């Protein structure tokens, strides 16, 4: 019984919640016109062994022709970064889902930005 009690007391330190880190956007949807740019803040909430991990920002989806994105910073130990979205005159009006992601400790998680081009 003493061994079982000791094991139960130690269990909480080994329980895994499934949340290594989360990637969230300031806004999940933006509207833009051709020949425009806009910046958004990206938050990276870190848990457990990911608190001091170097991260790298990227994309998990192709971009529509004429849309470019730039992360600042794109790499480092950060809780926030920004993404600049540029839309040139070649972009066809419509709605596009862009998956922005962060990779920490060889794990990648992302969030979807809905881009509406008018």
N, C-alpha and C. Protein backbone atom coordinates (compact mmCIF):
# COMPACT_ATOMS: atom_id res chain seq x y z
N UNK A 1 0.83 -1.20 0.00
CA UNK A 1 0.00 0.00 0.00
C UNK A 1 0.87 1.26 0.00
N UNK A 2 1.98 1.21 0.73
CA UNK A 2 2.87 2.36 0.79
C UNK A 2 3.46 2.64 -0.60
N UNK A 3 3.80 1.62 -1.37
CA UNK A 3 4.34 1.79 -2.71
C UNK A 3 3.31 2.42 -3.64
N UNK A 4 2.06 1.97 -3.56
CA UNK A 4 0.99 2.54 -4.37
C UNK A 4 0.77 4.01 -4.02
N UNK A 5 0.80 4.34 -2.75
CA UNK A 5 0.62 5.72 -2.32
C UNK A 5 1.76 6.59 -2.84
N UNK A 6 2.98 6.09 -2.78
CA UNK A 6 4.13 6.84 -3.30
C UNK A 6 3.99 7.08 -4.80
N UNK A 7 3.52 6.08 -5.52
CA UNK A 7 3.35 6.20 -6.95
C UNK A 7 2.28 7.24 -7.27
N UNK A 8 1.19 7.24 -6.55
CA UNK A 8 0.11 8.21 -6.77
C UNK A 8 0.55 9.63 -6.47
N UNK A 9 1.39 9.79 -5.49
CA UNK A 9 1.90 11.12 -5.14
C UNK A 9 2.82 11.64 -6.24
N UNK A 10 3.57 10.76 -6.88
CA UNK A 10 4.50 11.17 -7.93
C UNK A 10 3.82 11.38 -9.28
N UNK A 11 2.67 10.81 -9.51
CA UNK A 11 2.02 10.89 -10.81
C UNK A 11 1.83 12.30 -11.37
N UNK A 12 1.39 13.28 -10.60
CA UNK A 12 1.16 14.59 -11.20
C UNK A 12 2.37 15.17 -11.93
N UNK A 13 3.57 14.87 -11.51
CA UNK A 13 4.73 15.42 -12.19
C UNK A 13 4.95 14.76 -13.56
N UNK A 14 4.29 13.62 -13.83
CA UNK A 14 4.46 12.93 -15.09
C UNK A 14 3.24 13.06 -16.01
N UNK A 15 2.21 13.71 -15.55
CA UNK A 15 1.01 13.86 -16.36
C UNK A 15 1.28 14.84 -17.50
N UNK A 16 0.98 14.43 -18.70
CA UNK A 16 1.19 15.27 -19.88
C UNK A 16 -0.15 15.84 -20.31
N UNK A 17 -0.21 17.16 -20.43
CA UNK A 17 -1.48 17.80 -20.78
C UNK A 17 -1.73 17.85 -22.28
N UNK A 18 -0.70 17.59 -23.08
CA UNK A 18 -0.87 17.67 -24.53
C UNK A 18 -0.57 19.05 -25.09
N UNK A 19 -0.32 20.03 -24.24
CA UNK A 19 -0.03 21.38 -24.70
C UNK A 19 1.46 21.66 -24.57
N UNK A 20 2.18 21.50 -25.67
CA UNK A 20 3.59 21.86 -25.65
C UNK A 20 3.73 23.36 -25.87
N UNK A 21 2.96 23.86 -26.85
CA UNK A 21 2.90 25.29 -27.13
C UNK A 21 1.69 25.53 -28.03
N UNK A 22 1.25 26.78 -28.05
CA UNK A 22 0.12 27.17 -28.88
C UNK A 22 0.50 28.39 -29.70
N UNK A 23 0.00 28.44 -30.92
CA UNK A 23 0.23 29.58 -31.81
C UNK A 23 -1.12 30.25 -32.06
N UNK A 24 -1.21 31.53 -31.73
CA UNK A 24 -2.47 32.26 -31.93
C UNK A 24 -2.20 33.59 -32.63
N UNK A 25 -3.21 34.06 -33.32
CA UNK A 25 -3.12 35.33 -34.06
C UNK A 25 -3.90 36.43 -33.37
N UNK A 26 -3.44 37.64 -33.58
CA UNK A 26 -4.15 38.84 -33.10
C UNK A 26 -5.56 38.89 -33.71
N UNK A 27 -5.67 38.56 -34.99
CA UNK A 27 -6.94 38.47 -35.71
C UNK A 27 -6.90 37.20 -36.55
N UNK A 28 -8.03 36.52 -36.66
CA UNK A 28 -8.05 35.30 -37.46
C UNK A 28 -8.51 35.55 -38.90
N UNK A 29 -8.95 36.79 -39.18
CA UNK A 29 -9.44 37.13 -40.52
C UNK A 29 -9.08 38.58 -40.83
N UNK A 30 -8.57 38.79 -42.05
CA UNK A 30 -8.27 40.15 -42.48
C UNK A 30 -8.78 40.37 -43.91
N UNK A 31 -9.15 41.61 -44.21
CA UNK A 31 -9.53 42.00 -45.56
C UNK A 31 -8.45 42.92 -46.11
N UNK A 32 -8.09 42.67 -47.37
CA UNK A 32 -7.07 43.49 -48.01
C UNK A 32 -7.45 43.76 -49.45
N UNK A 33 -6.90 44.82 -49.99
CA UNK A 33 -7.07 45.15 -51.40
C UNK A 33 -5.73 44.92 -52.09
N UNK A 34 -5.77 44.85 -53.42
CA UNK A 34 -4.53 44.73 -54.19
C UNK A 34 -3.63 45.92 -53.89
N UNK A 35 -2.33 45.69 -53.96
CA UNK A 35 -1.34 46.72 -53.71
C UNK A 35 -1.41 47.24 -52.27
N UNK A 36 -1.58 46.33 -51.31
CA UNK A 36 -1.61 46.75 -49.91
C UNK A 36 -0.81 45.78 -49.05
N UNK A 37 -0.55 46.20 -47.83
CA UNK A 37 0.14 45.34 -46.87
C UNK A 37 -0.46 45.57 -45.50
N UNK A 38 -0.32 44.56 -44.67
CA UNK A 38 -0.85 44.63 -43.31
C UNK A 38 0.01 43.73 -42.42
N UNK A 39 0.16 44.12 -41.16
CA UNK A 39 0.92 43.32 -40.19
C UNK A 39 0.01 42.84 -39.07
N UNK A 40 0.30 41.65 -38.58
CA UNK A 40 -0.42 41.05 -37.46
C UNK A 40 0.57 40.52 -36.45
N UNK A 41 0.14 40.51 -35.19
CA UNK A 41 0.96 39.93 -34.13
C UNK A 41 0.61 38.45 -33.98
N UNK A 42 1.64 37.63 -33.81
CA UNK A 42 1.49 36.21 -33.55
C UNK A 42 2.00 35.94 -32.14
N UNK A 43 1.21 35.27 -31.33
CA UNK A 43 1.61 34.90 -29.97
C UNK A 43 1.95 33.43 -29.92
N UNK A 44 3.03 33.12 -29.22
CA UNK A 44 3.45 31.73 -29.03
C UNK A 44 3.45 31.48 -27.53
N UNK A 45 2.45 30.74 -27.08
CA UNK A 45 2.34 30.43 -25.65
C UNK A 45 3.04 29.09 -25.42
N UNK A 46 4.03 29.10 -24.55
CA UNK A 46 4.90 27.94 -24.35
C UNK A 46 4.63 27.25 -23.02
N UNK A 47 4.70 25.92 -23.03
CA UNK A 47 4.51 25.11 -21.84
C UNK A 47 5.67 24.13 -21.70
N UNK A 48 5.79 23.56 -20.52
CA UNK A 48 6.71 22.46 -20.21
C UNK A 48 8.11 22.69 -20.76
N UNK A 49 8.66 21.76 -21.50
CA UNK A 49 10.03 21.84 -21.98
C UNK A 49 10.22 22.74 -23.18
N UNK A 50 9.21 23.51 -23.55
CA UNK A 50 9.29 24.37 -24.72
C UNK A 50 9.55 25.83 -24.36
N UNK A 51 9.66 26.14 -23.06
CA UNK A 51 9.79 27.53 -22.62
C UNK A 51 11.02 28.23 -23.19
N UNK A 52 12.13 27.53 -23.32
CA UNK A 52 13.36 28.15 -23.80
C UNK A 52 13.81 27.63 -25.16
N UNK A 53 12.91 26.93 -25.85
CA UNK A 53 13.26 26.36 -27.15
C UNK A 53 13.29 27.44 -28.23
N UNK A 54 14.29 27.36 -29.10
CA UNK A 54 14.37 28.27 -30.24
C UNK A 54 13.27 27.88 -31.22
N UNK A 55 12.55 28.87 -31.72
CA UNK A 55 11.47 28.63 -32.66
C UNK A 55 11.78 29.16 -34.04
N UNK A 56 11.07 28.61 -35.01
CA UNK A 56 11.21 29.06 -36.39
C UNK A 56 9.82 29.18 -36.98
N UNK A 57 9.50 30.34 -37.53
CA UNK A 57 8.20 30.59 -38.13
C UNK A 57 8.20 30.14 -39.58
N UNK A 58 7.01 29.74 -40.05
CA UNK A 58 6.91 29.28 -41.43
C UNK A 58 5.47 29.17 -41.88
N UNK A 59 5.30 28.50 -43.01
CA UNK A 59 3.98 28.30 -43.61
C UNK A 59 3.73 26.81 -43.81
N UNK A 60 2.48 26.39 -43.63
CA UNK A 60 2.09 25.01 -43.90
C UNK A 60 1.13 24.94 -45.09
N UNK A 61 1.00 26.03 -45.80
CA UNK A 61 0.11 26.06 -46.96
C UNK A 61 0.74 26.92 -48.04
N UNK A 62 0.40 26.64 -49.28
CA UNK A 62 0.93 27.51 -50.35
C UNK A 62 0.25 28.87 -50.32
N UNK A 63 0.96 29.86 -50.77
CA UNK A 63 0.40 31.22 -50.85
C UNK A 63 -0.21 31.43 -52.23
N UNK A 64 -1.28 32.19 -52.29
CA UNK A 64 -1.83 32.55 -53.61
C UNK A 64 -0.80 33.38 -54.39
N UNK A 65 -0.84 33.28 -55.70
CA UNK A 65 0.07 34.08 -56.52
C UNK A 65 -0.12 35.55 -56.21
N UNK A 66 0.98 36.24 -55.92
CA UNK A 66 0.93 37.67 -55.63
C UNK A 66 0.86 38.02 -54.16
N UNK A 67 0.80 36.99 -53.27
CA UNK A 67 0.79 37.23 -51.83
C UNK A 67 2.14 36.79 -51.27
N UNK A 68 2.74 37.65 -50.46
CA UNK A 68 3.99 37.30 -49.78
C UNK A 68 3.82 37.55 -48.29
N UNK A 69 4.57 36.79 -47.48
CA UNK A 69 4.57 37.01 -46.04
C UNK A 69 6.01 37.08 -45.55
N UNK A 70 6.20 37.84 -44.49
CA UNK A 70 7.52 37.97 -43.87
C UNK A 70 7.31 38.02 -42.36
N UNK A 71 8.06 37.19 -41.64
CA UNK A 71 8.00 37.15 -40.19
C UNK A 71 9.13 37.98 -39.61
N UNK A 72 8.84 38.71 -38.52
CA UNK A 72 9.87 39.52 -37.88
C UNK A 72 9.70 39.48 -36.37
N UNK A 73 10.57 38.75 -35.66
CA UNK A 73 11.64 37.90 -36.16
C UNK A 73 11.09 36.57 -36.67
N UNK A 74 11.87 35.93 -37.53
CA UNK A 74 11.48 34.63 -38.09
C UNK A 74 12.01 33.47 -37.26
N UNK A 75 13.03 33.72 -36.46
CA UNK A 75 13.63 32.68 -35.62
C UNK A 75 14.05 33.25 -34.29
N UNK A 76 14.10 32.38 -33.27
CA UNK A 76 14.60 32.79 -31.97
C UNK A 76 13.73 32.27 -30.84
N UNK A 77 14.14 32.62 -29.63
CA UNK A 77 13.34 32.29 -28.44
C UNK A 77 12.42 33.48 -28.22
N UNK A 78 11.18 33.34 -28.66
CA UNK A 78 10.25 34.47 -28.65
C UNK A 78 8.86 34.02 -28.23
N UNK A 79 8.15 34.93 -27.60
CA UNK A 79 6.76 34.70 -27.25
C UNK A 79 5.83 35.42 -28.21
N UNK A 80 6.39 36.39 -28.94
CA UNK A 80 5.63 37.16 -29.93
C UNK A 80 6.49 37.40 -31.15
N UNK A 81 5.83 37.48 -32.27
CA UNK A 81 6.47 37.88 -33.51
C UNK A 81 5.40 38.56 -34.35
N UNK A 82 5.79 39.14 -35.45
CA UNK A 82 4.79 39.74 -36.32
C UNK A 82 4.94 39.16 -37.72
N UNK A 83 3.84 39.17 -38.43
CA UNK A 83 3.85 38.72 -39.82
C UNK A 83 3.33 39.87 -40.67
N UNK A 84 4.06 40.19 -41.71
CA UNK A 84 3.63 41.20 -42.68
C UNK A 84 3.11 40.48 -43.91
N UNK A 85 1.90 40.82 -44.31
CA UNK A 85 1.28 40.22 -45.49
C UNK A 85 1.21 41.28 -46.56
N UNK A 86 1.73 40.97 -47.73
CA UNK A 86 1.71 41.89 -48.86
C UNK A 86 0.90 41.28 -49.99
N UNK A 87 0.02 42.08 -50.56
CA UNK A 87 -0.84 41.65 -51.67
C UNK A 87 -0.53 42.56 -52.85
N UNK A 88 -0.08 41.96 -53.96
CA UNK A 88 0.20 42.80 -55.13
C UNK A 88 -0.99 42.77 -56.09
N UNK A 89 -0.83 43.38 -57.26
CA UNK A 89 -1.95 43.51 -58.19
C UNK A 89 -2.25 42.23 -58.98
N UNK A 90 -1.49 41.15 -58.78
CA UNK A 90 -1.73 39.89 -59.49
C UNK A 90 -2.69 38.96 -58.73
N UNK A 91 -3.04 39.33 -57.51
CA UNK A 91 -3.88 38.47 -56.69
C UNK A 91 -5.33 38.54 -57.17
N UNK A 92 -5.90 37.37 -57.38
CA UNK A 92 -7.30 37.27 -57.77
C UNK A 92 -8.16 37.47 -56.52
N UNK A 93 -9.19 38.30 -56.64
CA UNK A 93 -10.08 38.52 -55.49
C UNK A 93 -10.67 37.18 -55.04
N UNK A 94 -10.78 37.02 -53.73
CA UNK A 94 -11.33 35.79 -53.17
C UNK A 94 -10.91 35.62 -51.73
N UNK A 95 -11.25 34.46 -51.17
CA UNK A 95 -10.92 34.13 -49.79
C UNK A 95 -9.88 33.01 -49.78
N UNK A 96 -8.84 33.20 -49.00
CA UNK A 96 -7.74 32.24 -48.94
C UNK A 96 -7.44 31.90 -47.48
N UNK A 97 -7.20 30.62 -47.22
CA UNK A 97 -6.75 30.18 -45.89
C UNK A 97 -5.24 30.01 -45.94
N UNK A 98 -4.56 30.72 -45.06
CA UNK A 98 -3.10 30.64 -44.98
C UNK A 98 -2.76 30.07 -43.60
N UNK A 99 -2.00 28.98 -43.59
CA UNK A 99 -1.63 28.36 -42.32
C UNK A 99 -0.23 28.84 -41.94
N UNK A 100 -0.18 29.63 -40.87
CA UNK A 100 1.07 30.14 -40.33
C UNK A 100 1.48 29.20 -39.21
N UNK A 101 2.76 28.82 -39.15
CA UNK A 101 3.16 27.87 -38.11
C UNK A 101 4.45 28.27 -37.42
N UNK A 102 4.70 27.58 -36.32
CA UNK A 102 5.95 27.71 -35.58
C UNK A 102 6.46 26.32 -35.27
N UNK A 103 7.76 26.13 -35.41
CA UNK A 103 8.38 24.85 -35.09
C UNK A 103 9.31 25.05 -33.91
N UNK A 104 9.09 24.27 -32.83
CA UNK A 104 9.92 24.28 -31.64
C UNK A 104 10.24 22.83 -31.29
N UNK A 105 11.48 22.55 -30.98
CA UNK A 105 11.89 21.18 -30.60
C UNK A 105 11.35 20.14 -31.58
N UNK A 106 11.43 20.40 -32.85
CA UNK A 106 11.02 19.49 -33.92
C UNK A 106 9.52 19.23 -33.96
N UNK A 107 8.71 20.05 -33.28
CA UNK A 107 7.25 19.95 -33.34
C UNK A 107 6.73 21.21 -34.00
N UNK A 108 5.76 21.03 -34.89
CA UNK A 108 5.19 22.16 -35.61
C UNK A 108 3.71 22.28 -35.27
N UNK A 109 3.32 23.51 -34.94
CA UNK A 109 1.91 23.81 -34.68
C UNK A 109 1.59 25.09 -35.42
N UNK A 110 0.35 25.20 -35.87
CA UNK A 110 -0.01 26.37 -36.65
C UNK A 110 -1.40 26.89 -36.33
N UNK A 111 -1.73 27.94 -37.04
CA UNK A 111 -3.04 28.58 -36.93
C UNK A 111 -3.42 29.10 -38.31
N UNK A 112 -4.72 29.18 -38.55
CA UNK A 112 -5.21 29.58 -39.88
C UNK A 112 -5.58 31.06 -39.88
N UNK A 113 -5.06 31.75 -40.88
CA UNK A 113 -5.43 33.13 -41.15
C UNK A 113 -6.31 33.14 -42.40
N UNK A 114 -7.50 33.69 -42.30
CA UNK A 114 -8.38 33.82 -43.45
C UNK A 114 -8.11 35.18 -44.06
N UNK A 115 -7.60 35.16 -45.30
CA UNK A 115 -7.28 36.36 -46.05
C UNK A 115 -8.36 36.60 -47.10
N UNK A 116 -9.03 37.73 -47.00
CA UNK A 116 -10.07 38.08 -47.96
C UNK A 116 -9.52 39.21 -48.82
N UNK A 117 -9.36 38.93 -50.11
CA UNK A 117 -8.84 39.94 -51.04
C UNK A 117 -10.03 40.48 -51.82
N UNK A 118 -10.20 41.80 -51.76
CA UNK A 118 -11.35 42.48 -52.42
C UNK A 118 -10.91 43.08 -53.73
